[in-house]
Amino acid sequence: MLKEIEELERALAKAKAKYKSSQTTYTIKPEFEAFEVYHEDLEGRFTWDEAKEACEALGEDWRLPTKEELNEMYKKRDVVGGFANINYWSSTENDSGFAWRQYFLNGTQYHGYGKGYGDANVRAVRALTI
């Protein structure tokens, strides 16, 4: 019986370690200010306003990435991992009714997407605190 308990404890420890590693954020340090990338896309697709609110709801200063940060995420998508080949919102506004998005299949950035009616995926970021 003791051997079985020890085996279960080892299995539990491995499962906890695997879970923790899956929750790890990734840090990107481009030529501008470094930032931290949330460990996964937020669930669902969002309008721009919904995307901003969903990032803020994570707390701890999470937010939508700028278009420059989003492009860095695209460049390092294989290292960061978990991105879909679909559009992602940025926080960068084109004018009062439009914002920039980036298509993660080929890296193209688009402006002129309506903030109130278009939907896209979301990956939150926050400033890196050292």
C-alpha atoms as a PDB file:
ATOM      1  CA  MET A   1       0.000   0.000   0.000  1.00  0.00           C
ATOM      2  CA  LEU A   2       2.850   2.428   0.835  1.00  0.00           C
ATOM      3  CA  LYS A   3       4.423   1.802  -2.571  1.00  0.00           C
ATOM      4  CA  GLU A   4       1.140   2.656  -4.313  1.00  0.00           C
ATOM      5  CA  ILE A   5       0.834   5.900  -2.346  1.00  0.00           C
ATOM      6  CA  GLU A   6       4.403   6.883  -3.244  1.00  0.00           C
ATOM      7  CA  GLU A   7       3.675   6.164  -6.936  1.00  0.00           C
ATOM      8  CA  LEU A   8       0.527   8.292  -6.776  1.00  0.00           C
ATOM      9  CA  GLU A   9       2.444  11.117  -5.093  1.00  0.00           C
ATOM     10  CA  ARG A  10       5.118  11.009  -7.839  1.00  0.00           C
ATOM     11  CA  ALA A  11       2.436  11.010 -10.533  1.00  0.00           C
ATOM     12  CA  LEU A  12       0.714  13.967  -8.866  1.00  0.00           C
ATOM     13  CA  ALA A  13       4.002  15.896  -8.641  1.00  0.00           C
ATOM     14  CA  LYS A  14       4.667  15.263 -12.366  1.00  0.00           C
ATOM     15  CA  ALA A  15       1.142  16.377 -13.277  1.00  0.00           C
ATOM     16  CA  LYS A  16       1.536  19.577 -11.220  1.00  0.00           C
ATOM     17  CA  ALA A  17       4.880  20.342 -12.875  1.00  0.00           C
ATOM     18  CA  LYS A  18       3.409  19.749 -16.333  1.00  0.00           C
ATOM     19  CA  TYR A  19       0.435  22.008 -15.555  1.00  0.00           C
ATOM     20  CA  LYS A  20       2.702  24.764 -14.238  1.00  0.00           C
ATOM     21  CA  SER A  21       4.881  24.665 -17.354  1.00  0.00           C
ATOM     22  CA  SER A  22       1.778  24.959 -19.546  1.00  0.00           C
ATOM     23  CA  GLN A  23       0.824  28.142 -17.677  1.00  0.00           C
ATOM     24  CA  THR A  24       4.180  29.827 -18.205  1.00  0.00           C
ATOM     25  CA  THR A  25       4.166  33.202 -19.924  1.00  0.00           C
ATOM     26  CA  TYR A  26       6.800  34.141 -22.503  1.00  0.00           C
ATOM     27  CA  THR A  27       8.926  37.285 -22.384  1.00  0.00           C
ATOM     28  CA  ILE A  28       9.790  39.156 -25.575  1.00  0.00           C
ATOM     29  CA  LYS A  29      12.482  41.841 -25.605  1.00  0.00           C
ATOM     30  CA  PRO A  30      12.412  43.622 -28.957  1.00  0.00           C
ATOM     31  CA  GLU A  31      14.283  46.832 -29.779  1.00  0.00           C
ATOM     32  CA  PHE A  32      11.659  48.731 -27.799  1.00  0.00           C
ATOM     33  CA  GLU A  33      10.386  48.031 -24.268  1.00  0.00           C
ATOM     34  CA  ALA A  34      10.224  44.364 -23.230  1.00  0.00           C
ATOM     35  CA  PHE A  35       6.832  42.794 -22.574  1.00  0.00           C
ATOM     36  CA  GLU A  36       5.329  39.576 -21.276  1.00  0.00           C
ATOM     37  CA  VAL A  37       2.894  37.493 -23.355  1.00  0.00           C
ATOM     38  CA  TYR A  38      -0.048  35.691 -21.730  1.00  0.00           C
ATOM     39  CA  HIS A  39       0.314  31.897 -21.852  1.00  0.00           C
ATOM     40  CA  GLU A  40      -2.645  31.333 -24.196  1.00  0.00           C
ATOM     41  CA  ASP A  41      -5.224  33.052 -26.378  1.00  0.00           C
ATOM     42  CA  LEU A  42      -8.257  34.262 -24.511  1.00  0.00           C
ATOM     43  CA  GLU A  43     -11.177  31.934 -25.177  1.00  0.00           C
ATOM     44  CA  GLY A  44     -13.463  33.037 -27.981  1.00  0.00           C
ATOM     45  CA  ARG A  45     -13.401  35.793 -30.586  1.00  0.00           C
ATOM     46  CA  PHE A  46     -13.968  39.404 -29.665  1.00  0.00           C
ATOM     47  CA  THR A  47     -14.841  42.797 -31.026  1.00  0.00           C
ATOM     48  CA  TRP A  48     -12.133  45.352 -30.262  1.00  0.00           C
ATOM     49  CA  ASP A  49     -13.978  46.790 -27.257  1.00  0.00           C
ATOM     50  CA  GLU A  50     -14.656  43.293 -25.901  1.00  0.00           C
ATOM     51  CA  ALA A  51     -10.983  42.388 -26.429  1.00  0.00           C
ATOM     52  CA  LYS A  52      -9.800  45.381 -24.403  1.00  0.00           C
ATOM     53  CA  GLU A  53     -12.233  44.545 -21.599  1.00  0.00           C
ATOM     54  CA  ALA A  54     -11.255  40.850 -21.591  1.00  0.00           C
ATOM     55  CA  CYS A  55      -7.552  41.699 -21.248  1.00  0.00           C
ATOM     56  CA  GLU A  56      -8.225  44.187 -18.463  1.00  0.00           C
ATOM     57  CA  ALA A  57     -10.382  41.577 -16.678  1.00  0.00           C
ATOM     58  CA  LEU A  58      -7.280  39.399 -16.321  1.00  0.00           C
ATOM     59  CA  GLY A  59      -5.988  41.998 -13.845  1.00  0.00           C
ATOM     60  CA  GLU A  60      -2.319  42.586 -13.059  1.00  0.00           C
ATOM     61  CA  ASP A  61      -1.914  45.133 -15.917  1.00  0.00           C
ATOM     62  CA  TRP A  62      -2.744  42.733 -18.797  1.00  0.00           C
ATOM     63  CA  ARG A  63      -3.808  44.609 -21.952  1.00  0.00           C
ATOM     64  CA  LEU A  64      -4.088  44.331 -25.730  1.00  0.00           C
ATOM     65  CA  PRO A  65      -0.695  44.513 -27.465  1.00  0.00           C
ATOM     66  CA  THR A  66       0.232  47.467 -29.653  1.00  0.00           C
ATOM     67  CA  LYS A  67       0.576  46.710 -33.362  1.00  0.00           C
ATOM     68  CA  GLU A  68       4.387  46.721 -32.912  1.00  0.00           C
ATOM     69  CA  GLU A  69       4.177  44.244 -30.019  1.00  0.00           C
ATOM     70  CA  LEU A  70       1.755  42.080 -31.985  1.00  0.00           C
ATOM     71  CA  ASN A  71       4.209  41.987 -34.879  1.00  0.00           C
ATOM     72  CA  GLU A  72       7.015  40.889 -32.511  1.00  0.00           C
ATOM     73  CA  MET A  73       4.710  38.138 -31.251  1.00  0.00           C
ATOM     74  CA  TYR A  74       4.128  37.053 -34.842  1.00  0.00           C
ATOM     75  CA  LYS A  75       7.874  36.956 -35.540  1.00  0.00           C
ATOM     76  CA  LYS A  76       8.400  34.783 -32.447  1.00  0.00           C
ATOM     77  CA  ARG A  77       5.160  32.793 -32.765  1.00  0.00           C
ATOM     78  CA  ASP A  78       6.959  29.446 -32.972  1.00  0.00           C
ATOM     79  CA  VAL A  79       8.796  30.130 -29.717  1.00  0.00           C
ATOM     80  CA  VAL A  80       5.826  31.634 -27.862  1.00  0.00           C
ATOM     81  CA  GLY A  81       3.438  29.008 -29.249  1.00  0.00           C
ATOM     82  CA  GLY A  82      -0.297  28.520 -29.207  1.00  0.00           C
ATOM     83  CA  PHE A  83      -1.270  31.002 -31.906  1.00  0.00           C
ATOM     84  CA  ALA A  84      -3.995  30.211 -34.424  1.00  0.00           C
ATOM     85  CA  ASN A  85      -3.583  31.122 -38.106  1.00  0.00           C
ATOM     86  CA  ILE A  86      -6.176  33.861 -37.780  1.00  0.00           C
ATOM     87  CA  ASN A  87      -6.506  37.602 -37.054  1.00  0.00           C
ATOM     88  CA  TYR A  88      -5.469  39.072 -33.699  1.00  0.00           C
ATOM     89  CA  TRP A  89      -6.432  42.501 -32.364  1.00  0.00           C
ATOM     90  CA  SER A  90      -3.930  45.191 -31.451  1.00  0.00           C
ATOM     91  CA  SER A  91      -4.632  48.184 -29.220  1.00  0.00           C
ATOM     92  CA  THR A  92      -3.424  50.585 -31.924  1.00  0.00           C
ATOM     93  CA  GLU A  93      -6.254  52.684 -33.292  1.00  0.00           C
ATOM     94  CA  ASN A  94      -6.316  53.923 -36.872  1.00  0.00           C
ATOM     95  CA  ASP A  95      -8.973  56.512 -36.131  1.00  0.00           C
ATOM     96  CA  SER A  96     -12.000  56.706 -33.891  1.00  0.00           C
ATOM     97  CA  GLY A  97     -13.787  53.760 -35.497  1.00  0.00           C
ATOM     98  CA  PHE A  98     -10.971  51.487 -36.603  1.00  0.00           C
ATOM     99  CA  ALA A  99      -8.060  49.509 -35.181  1.00  0.00           C
ATOM    100  CA  TRP A 100      -5.132  47.414 -36.473  1.00  0.00           C
ATOM    101  CA  ARG A 101      -5.183  43.615 -36.629  1.00  0.00           C
ATOM    102  CA  GLN A 102      -2.571  41.088 -37.695  1.00  0.00           C
ATOM    103  CA  TYR A 103      -3.188  37.896 -39.643  1.00  0.00           C
ATOM    104  CA  PHE A 104      -1.028  35.165 -38.088  1.00  0.00           C
ATOM    105  CA  LEU A 105      -1.114  32.932 -41.168  1.00  0.00           C
ATOM    106  CA  ASN A 106       1.167  35.263 -43.125  1.00  0.00           C
ATOM    107  CA  GLY A 107       1.956  38.223 -40.829  1.00  0.00           C
ATOM    108  CA  THR A 108       0.002  40.864 -42.731  1.00  0.00           C
ATOM    109  CA  GLN A 109      -1.141  43.800 -40.619  1.00  0.00           C
ATOM    110  CA  TYR A 110      -4.483  45.354 -41.545  1.00  0.00           C
ATOM    111  CA  HIS A 111      -5.840  48.753 -40.653  1.00  0.00           C
ATOM    112  CA  GLY A 112      -9.371  49.891 -41.054  1.00  0.00           C
ATOM    113  CA  TYR A 113     -11.119  47.072 -39.217  1.00  0.00           C
ATOM    114  CA  GLY A 114     -14.201  48.311 -37.410  1.00  0.00           C
ATOM    115  CA  LYS A 115     -13.813  48.084 -33.670  1.00  0.00           C
ATOM    116  CA  GLY A 116     -17.495  47.461 -33.075  1.00  0.00           C
ATOM    117  CA  TYR A 117     -18.352  44.785 -35.610  1.00  0.00           C
ATOM    118  CA  GLY A 118     -15.261  42.777 -36.564  1.00  0.00           C
ATOM    119  CA  ASP A 119     -14.102  39.900 -34.416  1.00  0.00           C
ATOM    120  CA  ALA A 120     -10.624  38.469 -33.881  1.00  0.00           C
ATOM    121  CA  ASN A 121      -8.549  36.442 -31.451  1.00  0.00           C
ATOM    122  CA  VAL A 122      -6.826  37.994 -28.459  1.00  0.00           C
ATOM    123  CA  ARG A 123      -3.482  37.393 -26.746  1.00  0.00           C
ATOM    124  CA  ALA A 124      -2.877  39.696 -23.801  1.00  0.00           C
ATOM    125  CA  VAL A 125       0.467  41.315 -22.903  1.00  0.00           C
ATOM    126  CA  ARG A 126       1.835  43.425 -20.083  1.00  0.00           C
ATOM    127  CA  ALA A 127       4.953  45.479 -19.494  1.00  0.00           C
ATOM    128  CA  LEU A 128       7.846  43.452 -18.160  1.00  0.00           C
ATOM    129  CA  THR A 129       8.656  44.387 -14.607  1.00  0.00           C
ATOM    130  CA  ILE A 130      12.202  43.630 -13.529  1.00  0.00           C
END
